[in-house]
PDB file of all heavy atoms in Angstrom:
ATOM      1  N   TYR A   1       0.385  -3.539  -6.907  1.00  0.00           N
ATOM      2  CA  TYR A   1       0.018  -3.172  -8.281  1.00  0.00           C
ATOM      3  C   TYR A   1      -0.492  -1.728  -8.346  1.00  0.00           C
ATOM      4  O   TYR A   1      -1.440  -1.370  -7.650  1.00  0.00           O
ATOM      5  CB  TYR A   1      -1.042  -4.158  -8.777  1.00  0.00           C
ATOM      6  CG  TYR A   1      -1.788  -3.762 -10.021  1.00  0.00           C
ATOM      7  CD1 TYR A   1      -1.132  -3.564 -11.234  1.00  0.00           C
ATOM      8  CD2 TYR A   1      -3.181  -3.626  -9.999  1.00  0.00           C
ATOM      9  CE1 TYR A   1      -1.840  -3.227 -12.382  1.00  0.00           C
ATOM     10  CE2 TYR A   1      -3.886  -3.306 -11.146  1.00  0.00           C
ATOM     11  CZ  TYR A   1      -3.213  -3.091 -12.335  1.00  0.00           C
ATOM     12  OH  TYR A   1      -3.914  -2.765 -13.460  1.00  0.00           O
ATOM     13  N   CYS A   2       0.177  -0.919  -9.142  1.00  0.00           N
ATOM     14  CA  CYS A   2      -0.161   0.501  -9.298  1.00  0.00           C
ATOM     15  C   CYS A   2      -0.173   1.224  -7.958  1.00  0.00           C
ATOM     16  O   CYS A   2      -0.947   2.186  -7.761  1.00  0.00           O
ATOM     17  CB  CYS A   2      -1.502   0.678  -9.992  1.00  0.00           C
ATOM     18  SG  CYS A   2      -1.532   0.090 -11.694  1.00  0.00           S
ATOM     19  N   GLY A   3       0.664   0.790  -7.054  1.00  0.00           N
ATOM     20  CA  GLY A   3       0.662   1.350  -5.704  1.00  0.00           C
ATOM     21  C   GLY A   3       1.208   2.746  -5.587  1.00  0.00           C
ATOM     22  O   GLY A   3       1.112   3.365  -4.525  1.00  0.00           O
ATOM     23  N   SER A   4       1.791   3.274  -6.666  1.00  0.00           N
ATOM     24  CA  SER A   4       2.371   4.614  -6.602  1.00  0.00           C
ATOM     25  C   SER A   4       1.354   5.721  -6.844  1.00  0.00           C
ATOM     26  O   SER A   4       1.683   6.894  -6.759  1.00  0.00           O
ATOM     27  CB  SER A   4       3.499   4.741  -7.632  1.00  0.00           C
ATOM     28  OG  SER A   4       2.989   4.569  -8.946  1.00  0.00           O
ATOM     29  N   GLY A   5       0.112   5.354  -7.161  1.00  0.00           N
ATOM     30  CA  GLY A   5      -0.891   6.373  -7.465  1.00  0.00           C
ATOM     31  C   GLY A   5      -2.289   5.918  -7.104  1.00  0.00           C
ATOM     32  O   GLY A   5      -2.488   4.913  -6.404  1.00  0.00           O
ATOM     33  N   ASP A   6      -3.263   6.649  -7.602  1.00  0.00           N
ATOM     34  CA  ASP A   6      -4.659   6.382  -7.288  1.00  0.00           C
ATOM     35  C   ASP A   6      -5.268   5.427  -8.310  1.00  0.00           C
ATOM     36  O   ASP A   6      -6.229   5.752  -9.018  1.00  0.00           O
ATOM     37  CB  ASP A   6      -5.447   7.698  -7.254  1.00  0.00           C
ATOM     38  CG  ASP A   6      -4.914   8.636  -6.188  1.00  0.00           C
ATOM     39  OD1 ASP A   6      -4.435   8.134  -5.156  1.00  0.00           O
ATOM     40  OD2 ASP A   6      -4.973   9.861  -6.387  1.00  0.00           O
ATOM     41  N   ALA A   7      -4.699   4.239  -8.396  1.00  0.00           N
ATOM     42  CA  ALA A   7      -5.175   3.221  -9.334  1.00  0.00           C
ATOM     43  C   ALA A   7      -4.826   1.861  -8.758  1.00  0.00           C
ATOM     44  O   ALA A   7      -4.081   1.749  -7.776  1.00  0.00           O
ATOM     45  CB  ALA A   7      -4.530   3.404 -10.710  1.00  0.00           C
ATOM     46  N   GLY A   8      -5.381   0.811  -9.393  1.00  0.00           N
ATOM     47  CA  GLY A   8      -5.054  -0.537  -8.967  1.00  0.00           C
ATOM     48  C   GLY A   8      -5.279  -0.755  -7.480  1.00  0.00           C
ATOM     49  O   GLY A   8      -6.283  -0.344  -6.908  1.00  0.00           O
ATOM     50  N   ALA A   9      -4.314  -1.401  -6.833  1.00  0.00           N
ATOM     51  CA  ALA A   9      -4.423  -1.714  -5.415  1.00  0.00           C
ATOM     52  C   ALA A   9      -3.942  -0.581  -4.518  1.00  0.00           C
ATOM     53  O   ALA A   9      -4.043  -0.693  -3.284  1.00  0.00           O
ATOM     54  CB  ALA A   9      -3.609  -2.981  -5.112  1.00  0.00           C
ATOM     55  N   GLY A  10      -3.447   0.508  -5.116  1.00  0.00           N
ATOM     56  CA  GLY A  10      -2.838   1.576  -4.333  1.00  0.00           C
ATOM     57  C   GLY A  10      -3.701   2.150  -3.228  1.00  0.00           C
ATOM     58  O   GLY A  10      -3.327   2.112  -2.047  1.00  0.00           O
ATOM     59  N   PRO A  11      -4.885   2.727  -3.535  1.00  0.00           N
ATOM     60  CA  PRO A  11      -5.689   3.346  -2.482  1.00  0.00           C
ATOM     61  C   PRO A  11      -6.124   2.378  -1.385  1.00  0.00           C
ATOM     62  O   PRO A  11      -6.062   2.713  -0.199  1.00  0.00           O
ATOM     63  CB  PRO A  11      -6.892   3.904  -3.252  1.00  0.00           C
ATOM     64  CG  PRO A  11      -6.382   4.127  -4.637  1.00  0.00           C
ATOM     65  CD  PRO A  11      -5.434   2.996  -4.873  1.00  0.00           C
ATOM     66  N   ALA A  12      -6.579   1.179  -1.770  1.00  0.00           N
ATOM     67  CA  ALA A  12      -7.016   0.216  -0.755  1.00  0.00           C
ATOM     68  C   ALA A  12      -5.846  -0.221   0.119  1.00  0.00           C
ATOM     69  O   ALA A  12      -5.997  -0.395   1.337  1.00  0.00           O
ATOM     70  CB  ALA A  12      -7.662  -0.996  -1.420  1.00  0.00           C
ATOM     71  N   PHE A  13      -4.669  -0.399  -0.475  1.00  0.00           N
ATOM     72  CA  PHE A  13      -3.486  -0.760   0.311  1.00  0.00           C
ATOM     73  C   PHE A  13      -3.145   0.366   1.285  1.00  0.00           C
ATOM     74  O   PHE A  13      -2.814   0.109   2.449  1.00  0.00           O
ATOM     75  CB  PHE A  13      -2.301  -1.042  -0.609  1.00  0.00           C
ATOM     76  CG  PHE A  13      -1.053  -1.439   0.131  1.00  0.00           C
ATOM     77  CD1 PHE A  13      -0.878  -2.756   0.552  1.00  0.00           C
ATOM     78  CD2 PHE A  13      -0.064  -0.516   0.421  1.00  0.00           C
ATOM     79  CE1 PHE A  13       0.262  -3.130   1.251  1.00  0.00           C
ATOM     80  CE2 PHE A  13       1.074  -0.878   1.118  1.00  0.00           C
ATOM     81  CZ  PHE A  13       1.245  -2.190   1.531  1.00  0.00           C
ATOM     82  N   ASP A  14      -3.242   1.615   0.824  1.00  0.00           N
ATOM     83  CA  ASP A  14      -2.957   2.749   1.711  1.00  0.00           C
ATOM     84  C   ASP A  14      -3.909   2.764   2.900  1.00  0.00           C
ATOM     85  O   ASP A  14      -3.512   3.131   4.009  1.00  0.00           O
ATOM     86  CB  ASP A  14      -3.070   4.061   0.938  1.00  0.00           C
ATOM     87  CG  ASP A  14      -1.938   4.256  -0.057  1.00  0.00           C
ATOM     88  OD1 ASP A  14      -0.909   3.563   0.081  1.00  0.00           O
ATOM     89  OD2 ASP A  14      -2.084   5.086  -0.969  1.00  0.00           O
ATOM     90  N   PHE A  15      -5.162   2.382   2.665  1.00  0.00           N
ATOM     91  CA  PHE A  15      -6.130   2.398   3.757  1.00  0.00           C
ATOM     92  C   PHE A  15      -5.884   1.254   4.737  1.00  0.00           C
ATOM     93  O   PHE A  15      -5.934   1.450   5.964  1.00  0.00           O
ATOM     94  CB  PHE A  15      -7.555   2.307   3.200  1.00  0.00           C
ATOM     95  CG  PHE A  15      -8.614   2.280   4.264  1.00  0.00           C
ATOM     96  CD1 PHE A  15      -9.054   3.446   4.844  1.00  0.00           C
ATOM     97  CD2 PHE A  15      -9.154   1.074   4.702  1.00  0.00           C
ATOM     98  CE1 PHE A  15     -10.026   3.431   5.857  1.00  0.00           C
ATOM     99  CE2 PHE A  15     -10.115   1.045   5.702  1.00  0.00           C
ATOM    100  CZ  PHE A  15     -10.555   2.226   6.280  1.00  0.00           C
ATOM    101  N   TYR A  16      -5.623   0.051   4.224  1.00  0.00           N
ATOM    102  CA  TYR A  16      -5.551  -1.127   5.090  1.00  0.00           C
ATOM    103  C   TYR A  16      -4.158  -1.406   5.649  1.00  0.00           C
ATOM    104  O   TYR A  16      -4.042  -2.027   6.718  1.00  0.00           O
ATOM    105  CB  TYR A  16      -6.032  -2.365   4.325  1.00  0.00           C
ATOM    106  CG  TYR A  16      -7.531  -2.448   4.186  1.00  0.00           C
ATOM    107  CD1 TYR A  16      -8.153  -2.149   2.991  1.00  0.00           C
ATOM    108  CD2 TYR A  16      -8.325  -2.825   5.262  1.00  0.00           C
ATOM    109  CE1 TYR A  16      -9.535  -2.231   2.852  1.00  0.00           C
ATOM    110  CE2 TYR A  16      -9.708  -2.910   5.150  1.00  0.00           C
ATOM    111  CZ  TYR A  16     -10.297  -2.607   3.947  1.00  0.00           C
ATOM    112  OH  TYR A  16     -11.670  -2.683   3.818  1.00  0.00           O
ATOM    113  N   SER A  17      -3.101  -1.014   4.973  1.00  0.00           N
ATOM    114  CA  SER A  17      -1.756  -1.433   5.376  1.00  0.00           C
ATOM    115  C   SER A  17      -1.367  -1.020   6.795  1.00  0.00           C
ATOM    116  O   SER A  17      -0.624  -1.771   7.454  1.00  0.00           O
ATOM    117  CB  SER A  17      -0.717  -0.925   4.369  1.00  0.00           C
ATOM    118  OG  SER A  17      -0.759   0.480   4.258  1.00  0.00           O
ATOM    119  N   PRO A  18      -1.825   0.143   7.324  1.00  0.00           N
ATOM    120  CA  PRO A  18      -1.443   0.458   8.712  1.00  0.00           C
ATOM    121  C   PRO A  18      -1.878  -0.598   9.720  1.00  0.00           C
ATOM    122  O   PRO A  18      -1.264  -0.737  10.787  1.00  0.00           O
ATOM    123  CB  PRO A  18      -2.153   1.799   8.968  1.00  0.00           C
ATOM    124  CG  PRO A  18      -2.267   2.429   7.616  1.00  0.00           C
ATOM    125  CD  PRO A  18      -2.523   1.279   6.687  1.00  0.00           C
ATOM    126  N   ARG A  19      -2.921  -1.379   9.402  1.00  0.00           N
ATOM    127  CA  ARG A  19      -3.368  -2.431  10.324  1.00  0.00           C
ATOM    128  C   ARG A  19      -2.354  -3.569  10.427  1.00  0.00           C
ATOM    129  O   ARG A  19      -2.330  -4.294  11.431  1.00  0.00           O
ATOM    130  CB  ARG A  19      -4.698  -3.030   9.853  1.00  0.00           C
ATOM    131  CG  ARG A  19      -5.844  -2.046   9.717  1.00  0.00           C
ATOM    132  CD  ARG A  19      -7.120  -2.780   9.324  1.00  0.00           C
ATOM    133  NE  ARG A  19      -8.226  -1.870   9.066  1.00  0.00           N
ATOM    134  CZ  ARG A  19      -9.459  -2.265   8.765  1.00  0.00           C
ATOM    135  NH1 ARG A  19      -9.730  -3.566   8.682  1.00  0.00           N
ATOM    136  NH2 ARG A  19     -10.404  -1.381   8.535  1.00  0.00           N
ATOM    137  N   TYR A  20      -1.528  -3.728   9.402  1.00  0.00           N
ATOM    138  CA  TYR A  20      -0.649  -4.905   9.329  1.00  0.00           C
ATOM    139  C   TYR A  20       0.820  -4.559   9.565  1.00  0.00           C
ATOM    140  O   TYR A  20       1.656  -5.461   9.662  1.00  0.00           O
ATOM    141  CB  TYR A  20      -0.837  -5.588   7.968  1.00  0.00           C
ATOM    142  CG  TYR A  20      -2.276  -6.000   7.752  1.00  0.00           C
ATOM    143  CD1 TYR A  20      -3.143  -5.209   7.009  1.00  0.00           C
ATOM    144  CD2 TYR A  20      -2.785  -7.159   8.333  1.00  0.00           C
ATOM    145  CE1 TYR A  20      -4.474  -5.561   6.826  1.00  0.00           C
ATOM    146  CE2 TYR A  20      -4.111  -7.525   8.165  1.00  0.00           C
ATOM    147  CZ  TYR A  20      -4.950  -6.724   7.409  1.00  0.00           C
ATOM    148  OH  TYR A  20      -6.272  -7.071   7.252  1.00  0.00           O
ATOM    149  N   ASP A  21       1.114  -3.282   9.631  1.00  0.00           N
ATOM    150  CA  ASP A  21       2.452  -2.833  10.044  1.00  0.00           C
ATOM    151  C   ASP A  21       3.572  -3.465   9.226  1.00  0.00           C
ATOM    152  O   ASP A  21       4.557  -3.981   9.775  1.00  0.00           O
ATOM    153  CB  ASP A  21       2.656  -3.132  11.538  1.00  0.00           C
ATOM    154  CG  ASP A  21       3.825  -2.359  12.127  1.00  0.00           C
ATOM    155  OD1 ASP A  21       4.117  -1.266  11.611  1.00  0.00           O
ATOM    156  OD2 ASP A  21       4.438  -2.845  13.087  1.00  0.00           O
ATOM    157  N   PHE A  22       3.442  -3.434   7.899  1.00  0.00           N
ATOM    158  CA  PHE A  22       4.525  -3.915   7.055  1.00  0.00           C
ATOM    159  C   PHE A  22       5.700  -2.932   7.121  1.00  0.00           C
ATOM    160  O   PHE A  22       5.490  -1.720   7.147  1.00  0.00           O
ATOM    161  CB  PHE A  22       4.069  -4.043   5.603  1.00  0.00           C
ATOM    162  CG  PHE A  22       3.001  -5.069   5.380  1.00  0.00           C
ATOM    163  CD1 PHE A  22       1.715  -4.686   4.993  1.00  0.00           C
ATOM    164  CD2 PHE A  22       3.260  -6.423   5.558  1.00  0.00           C
ATOM    165  CE1 PHE A  22       0.720  -5.633   4.792  1.00  0.00           C
ATOM    166  CE2 PHE A  22       2.267  -7.376   5.363  1.00  0.00           C
ATOM    167  CZ  PHE A  22       0.994  -6.978   4.985  1.00  0.00           C
ATOM    168  N   PRO A  23       6.930  -3.433   7.156  1.00  0.00           N
ATOM    169  CA  PRO A  23       8.083  -2.526   7.145  1.00  0.00           C
ATOM    170  C   PRO A  23       8.038  -1.623   5.909  1.00  0.00           C
ATOM    171  O   PRO A  23       7.786  -2.096   4.800  1.00  0.00           O
ATOM    172  CB  PRO A  23       9.288  -3.470   7.097  1.00  0.00           C
ATOM    173  CG  PRO A  23       8.773  -4.769   7.635  1.00  0.00           C
ATOM    174  CD  PRO A  23       7.348  -4.854   7.212  1.00  0.00           C
ATOM    175  N   VAL A  24       8.272  -0.353   6.107  1.00  0.00           N
ATOM    176  CA  VAL A  24       8.180   0.614   5.001  1.00  0.00           C
ATOM    177  C   VAL A  24       9.101   0.221   3.859  1.00  0.00           C
ATOM    178  O   VAL A  24       8.725   0.299   2.680  1.00  0.00           O
ATOM    179  CB  VAL A  24       8.520   2.033   5.506  1.00  0.00           C
ATOM    180  CG1 VAL A  24       8.533   3.018   4.336  1.00  0.00           C
ATOM    181  CG2 VAL A  24       7.528   2.479   6.561  1.00  0.00           C
ATOM    182  N   GLU A  25      10.311  -0.229   4.178  1.00  0.00           N
ATOM    183  CA  GLU A  25      11.288  -0.560   3.145  1.00  0.00           C
ATOM    184  C   GLU A  25      10.920  -1.827   2.369  1.00  0.00           C
ATOM    185  O   GLU A  25      11.499  -2.103   1.303  1.00  0.00           O
ATOM    186  CB  GLU A  25      12.682  -0.717   3.755  1.00  0.00           C
ATOM    187  CG  GLU A  25      12.842  -1.883   4.723  1.00  0.00           C
ATOM    188  CD  GLU A  25      12.383  -1.575   6.135  1.00  0.00           C
ATOM    189  OE1 GLU A  25      11.808  -0.484   6.350  1.00  0.00           O
ATOM    190  OE2 GLU A  25      12.603  -2.425   7.021  1.00  0.00           O
ATOM    191  N   SER A  26       9.960  -2.600   2.872  1.00  0.00           N
ATOM    192  CA  SER A  26       9.583  -3.840   2.198  1.00  0.00           C
ATOM    193  C   SER A  26       8.481  -3.641   1.162  1.00  0.00           C
ATOM    194  O   SER A  26       8.176  -4.552   0.400  1.00  0.00           O
ATOM    195  CB  SER A  26       9.108  -4.880   3.218  1.00  0.00           C
ATOM    196  OG  SER A  26       7.855  -4.500   3.764  1.00  0.00           O
ATOM    197  N   VAL A  27       7.870  -2.451   1.140  1.00  0.00           N
ATOM    198  CA  VAL A  27       6.749  -2.184   0.239  1.00  0.00           C
ATOM    199  C   VAL A  27       7.267  -1.620  -1.081  1.00  0.00           C
ATOM    200  O   VAL A  27       7.955  -0.598  -1.109  1.00  0.00           O
ATOM    201  CB  VAL A  27       5.745  -1.203   0.876  1.00  0.00           C
ATOM    202  CG1 VAL A  27       4.621  -0.886  -0.115  1.00  0.00           C
ATOM    203  CG2 VAL A  27       5.174  -1.794   2.164  1.00  0.00           C
ATOM    204  N   ILE A  28       6.967  -2.311  -2.167  1.00  0.00           N
ATOM    205  CA  ILE A  28       7.337  -1.862  -3.514  1.00  0.00           C
ATOM    206  C   ILE A  28       6.066  -1.368  -4.204  1.00  0.00           C
ATOM    207  O   ILE A  28       5.159  -2.148  -4.480  1.00  0.00           O
ATOM    208  CB  ILE A  28       7.962  -2.992  -4.337  1.00  0.00           C
ATOM    209  CG1 ILE A  28       9.186  -3.556  -3.613  1.00  0.00           C
ATOM    210  CG2 ILE A  28       8.329  -2.507  -5.735  1.00  0.00           C
ATOM    211  CD1 ILE A  28       9.683  -4.865  -4.213  1.00  0.00           C
TER     212      ILE A  28
END
């Protein structure tokens, strides 16, 4: 949600996602 900018879940996802190694192409 709102992952394309500094709103919604975007910033927190950017911080935490490297821990979970989701495939880049799978992230919308």
